[in-house]
Amino acid sequence: MGILHIDAITEGMILAADIHDRSGRLLLNEGAALTQRHIRMLMTWGVSEADIAGIDSKEGDSALSDEIDPEKLRYAEEELRPIFRNVNLSHPAMAELFRLCLKRKAQNETI
């Protein structure tokens, strides 16, 4: 089992763990086969990643490094960390905002 970012989740994938919202309410049970409706619902509730059966590791961050030069990604993160220094990056919305900013900065970076 492994963690996938919501953008990488596709219809037919199987949940390896229950998904809860921030208040602890159960959204989907472990073993559920995901549909497009489920994926839209997860996005609506602010779920940014899920534990998917058959995935070996956390692929949310590696997906960024697969599509962007690792050197540009490292440089962009060094530039963004001071801007986000007072932000709680464990909060799902802030973590997603940081990930999107990191992706955009790294894609537009010239070294």
C-alpha atoms as a PDB file:
ATOM      1  CA  MET A   1       0.000   0.000   0.000  1.00  0.00           C
ATOM      2  CA  GLY A   2       1.082   3.565  -0.650  1.00  0.00           C
ATOM      3  CA  ILE A   3      -0.065   7.149  -0.599  1.00  0.00           C
ATOM      4  CA  LEU A   4      -1.122   8.774  -3.867  1.00  0.00           C
ATOM      5  CA  HIS A   5      -2.014  12.411  -4.446  1.00  0.00           C
ATOM      6  CA  ILE A   6      -5.643  12.929  -5.434  1.00  0.00           C
ATOM      7  CA  ASP A   7      -4.555  14.027  -8.946  1.00  0.00           C
ATOM      8  CA  ALA A   8      -2.935  10.623  -9.508  1.00  0.00           C
ATOM      9  CA  ILE A   9      -5.900   8.565  -8.310  1.00  0.00           C
ATOM     10  CA  THR A  10      -7.985   6.971 -11.041  1.00  0.00           C
ATOM     11  CA  GLU A  11     -11.250   5.132 -11.241  1.00  0.00           C
ATOM     12  CA  GLY A  12     -11.010   1.479 -10.220  1.00  0.00           C
ATOM     13  CA  MET A  13      -8.215   1.881  -7.658  1.00  0.00           C
ATOM     14  CA  ILE A  14      -8.836   0.180  -4.305  1.00  0.00           C
ATOM     15  CA  LEU A  15      -8.455   1.966  -0.957  1.00  0.00           C
ATOM     16  CA  ALA A  16      -5.944   0.355   1.406  1.00  0.00           C
ATOM     17  CA  ALA A  17      -7.215   2.387   4.388  1.00  0.00           C
ATOM     18  CA  ASP A  18     -10.327   4.270   5.457  1.00  0.00           C
ATOM     19  CA  ILE A  19     -10.565   7.926   4.473  1.00  0.00           C
ATOM     20  CA  HIS A  20     -11.780  10.413   7.066  1.00  0.00           C
ATOM     21  CA  ASP A  21     -12.404  14.144   6.831  1.00  0.00           C
ATOM     22  CA  ARG A  22     -10.637  16.594   9.152  1.00  0.00           C
ATOM     23  CA  SER A  23     -13.256  16.131  11.865  1.00  0.00           C
ATOM     24  CA  GLY A  24     -12.859  12.351  11.807  1.00  0.00           C
ATOM     25  CA  ARG A  25     -16.050  11.518   9.912  1.00  0.00           C
ATOM     26  CA  LEU A  26     -15.688   8.420   7.735  1.00  0.00           C
ATOM     27  CA  LEU A  27     -15.914   9.277   4.030  1.00  0.00           C
ATOM     28  CA  LEU A  28     -14.956   5.943   2.425  1.00  0.00           C
ATOM     29  CA  ASN A  29     -14.157   2.509   3.802  1.00  0.00           C
ATOM     30  CA  GLU A  30     -10.999   0.511   3.231  1.00  0.00           C
ATOM     31  CA  GLY A  31     -11.459  -1.821   0.247  1.00  0.00           C
ATOM     32  CA  ALA A  32     -13.738   0.545  -1.677  1.00  0.00           C
ATOM     33  CA  ALA A  33     -13.234   0.537  -5.442  1.00  0.00           C
ATOM     34  CA  LEU A  34     -13.025   4.212  -6.378  1.00  0.00           C
ATOM     35  CA  THR A  35     -15.357   5.727  -8.957  1.00  0.00           C
ATOM     36  CA  GLN A  36     -15.239   9.196 -10.547  1.00  0.00           C
ATOM     37  CA  ARG A  37     -18.000  10.208  -8.126  1.00  0.00           C
ATOM     38  CA  HIS A  38     -15.826   9.136  -5.162  1.00  0.00           C
ATOM     39  CA  ILE A  39     -12.830  11.079  -6.494  1.00  0.00           C
ATOM     40  CA  ARG A  40     -14.936  14.244  -6.969  1.00  0.00           C
ATOM     41  CA  MET A  41     -16.346  13.808  -3.451  1.00  0.00           C
ATOM     42  CA  LEU A  42     -12.838  13.478  -1.978  1.00  0.00           C
ATOM     43  CA  MET A  43     -11.743  16.658  -3.760  1.00  0.00           C
ATOM     44  CA  THR A  44     -14.850  18.458  -2.494  1.00  0.00           C
ATOM     45  CA  TRP A  45     -14.067  17.434   1.090  1.00  0.00           C
ATOM     46  CA  GLY A  46     -10.463  18.613   0.728  1.00  0.00           C
ATOM     47  CA  VAL A  47      -8.845  15.178   0.776  1.00  0.00           C
ATOM     48  CA  SER A  48      -5.495  15.588  -0.983  1.00  0.00           C
ATOM     49  CA  GLU A  49      -4.199  12.007  -0.859  1.00  0.00           C
ATOM     50  CA  ALA A  50      -5.282   8.449  -0.186  1.00  0.00           C
ATOM     51  CA  ASP A  51      -3.707   5.126   0.719  1.00  0.00           C
ATOM     52  CA  ILE A  52      -4.127   2.926  -2.351  1.00  0.00           C
ATOM     53  CA  ALA A  53      -3.709  -0.858  -2.458  1.00  0.00           C
ATOM     54  CA  GLY A  54      -0.920  -2.104  -4.711  1.00  0.00           C
ATOM     55  CA  ILE A  55       1.201   1.064  -4.448  1.00  0.00           C
ATOM     56  CA  ASP A  56       4.585   0.523  -2.803  1.00  0.00           C
ATOM     57  CA  SER A  57       5.426   3.968  -1.395  1.00  0.00           C
ATOM     58  CA  LYS A  58       4.353   7.581  -1.029  1.00  0.00           C
ATOM     59  CA  GLU A  59       4.182   8.747  -4.621  1.00  0.00           C
ATOM     60  CA  GLY A  60       2.777  12.242  -4.129  1.00  0.00           C
ATOM     61  CA  ASP A  61       6.212  13.875  -3.923  1.00  0.00           C
ATOM     62  CA  SER A  62       7.938  11.503  -6.322  1.00  0.00           C
ATOM     63  CA  ALA A  63       5.384  12.427  -8.983  1.00  0.00           C
ATOM     64  CA  LEU A  64       6.739  15.975  -8.841  1.00  0.00           C
ATOM     65  CA  SER A  65      10.326  14.812  -9.118  1.00  0.00           C
ATOM     66  CA  ASP A  66       9.422  12.566 -12.072  1.00  0.00           C
ATOM     67  CA  GLU A  67       8.048  15.448 -14.106  1.00  0.00           C
ATOM     68  CA  ILE A  68      10.441  18.224 -12.939  1.00  0.00           C
ATOM     69  CA  ASP A  69      14.235  18.370 -12.852  1.00  0.00           C
ATOM     70  CA  PRO A  70      15.254  17.502  -9.246  1.00  0.00           C
ATOM     71  CA  GLU A  71      17.752  20.380  -9.174  1.00  0.00           C
ATOM     72  CA  LYS A  72      15.027  22.881 -10.106  1.00  0.00           C
ATOM     73  CA  LEU A  73      12.737  21.315  -7.517  1.00  0.00           C
ATOM     74  CA  ARG A  74      15.388  21.636  -4.787  1.00  0.00           C
ATOM     75  CA  TYR A  75      16.103  25.262  -5.719  1.00  0.00           C
ATOM     76  CA  ALA A  76      12.378  26.122  -5.776  1.00  0.00           C
ATOM     77  CA  GLU A  77      11.889  24.543  -2.351  1.00  0.00           C
ATOM     78  CA  GLU A  78      14.793  26.566  -0.920  1.00  0.00           C
ATOM     79  CA  GLU A  79      13.157  29.723  -2.281  1.00  0.00           C
ATOM     80  CA  LEU A  80       9.665  28.873  -0.979  1.00  0.00           C
ATOM     81  CA  ARG A  81      10.504  27.589   2.528  1.00  0.00           C
ATOM     82  CA  PRO A  82      11.110  31.118   3.944  1.00  0.00           C
ATOM     83  CA  ILE A  83       7.808  32.318   2.482  1.00  0.00           C
ATOM     84  CA  PHE A  84       5.940  29.419   4.130  1.00  0.00           C
ATOM     85  CA  ARG A  85       7.932  29.509   7.403  1.00  0.00           C
ATOM     86  CA  ASN A  86       4.935  30.511   9.553  1.00  0.00           C
ATOM     87  CA  VAL A  87       2.498  28.136   7.887  1.00  0.00           C
ATOM     88  CA  ASN A  88       1.355  24.815   9.349  1.00  0.00           C
ATOM     89  CA  LEU A  89       2.272  22.509   6.451  1.00  0.00           C
ATOM     90  CA  SER A  90       0.626  19.568   8.204  1.00  0.00           C
ATOM     91  CA  HIS A  91      -2.746  21.186   7.448  1.00  0.00           C
ATOM     92  CA  PRO A  92      -4.038  19.582   4.220  1.00  0.00           C
ATOM     93  CA  ALA A  93      -4.947  22.882   2.537  1.00  0.00           C
ATOM     94  CA  MET A  94      -1.579  24.461   3.317  1.00  0.00           C
ATOM     95  CA  ALA A  95       0.320  21.342   2.243  1.00  0.00           C
ATOM     96  CA  GLU A  96      -1.540  21.358  -1.070  1.00  0.00           C
ATOM     97  CA  LEU A  97      -0.916  25.082  -1.565  1.00  0.00           C
ATOM     98  CA  PHE A  98       2.805  24.562  -0.901  1.00  0.00           C
ATOM     99  CA  ARG A  99       2.902  21.615  -3.333  1.00  0.00           C
ATOM    100  CA  LEU A 100       1.214  23.653  -6.076  1.00  0.00           C
ATOM    101  CA  CYS A 101       3.501  26.650  -5.522  1.00  0.00           C
ATOM    102  CA  LEU A 102       6.532  24.370  -5.535  1.00  0.00           C
ATOM    103  CA  LYS A 103       5.424  22.741  -8.778  1.00  0.00           C
ATOM    104  CA  ARG A 104       4.754  26.065 -10.513  1.00  0.00           C
ATOM    105  CA  LYS A 105       8.008  27.667  -9.315  1.00  0.00           C
ATOM    106  CA  ALA A 106      10.090  24.648 -10.315  1.00  0.00           C
ATOM    107  CA  GLN A 107       8.492  24.458 -13.764  1.00  0.00           C
ATOM    108  CA  ASN A 108       9.210  28.144 -14.402  1.00  0.00           C
ATOM    109  CA  GLU A 109      12.701  28.124 -12.851  1.00  0.00           C
ATOM    110  CA  THR A 110      15.810  28.659 -14.964  1.00  0.00           C
ATOM    111  CA  ILE A 111      19.084  27.624 -13.373  1.00  0.00           C
END
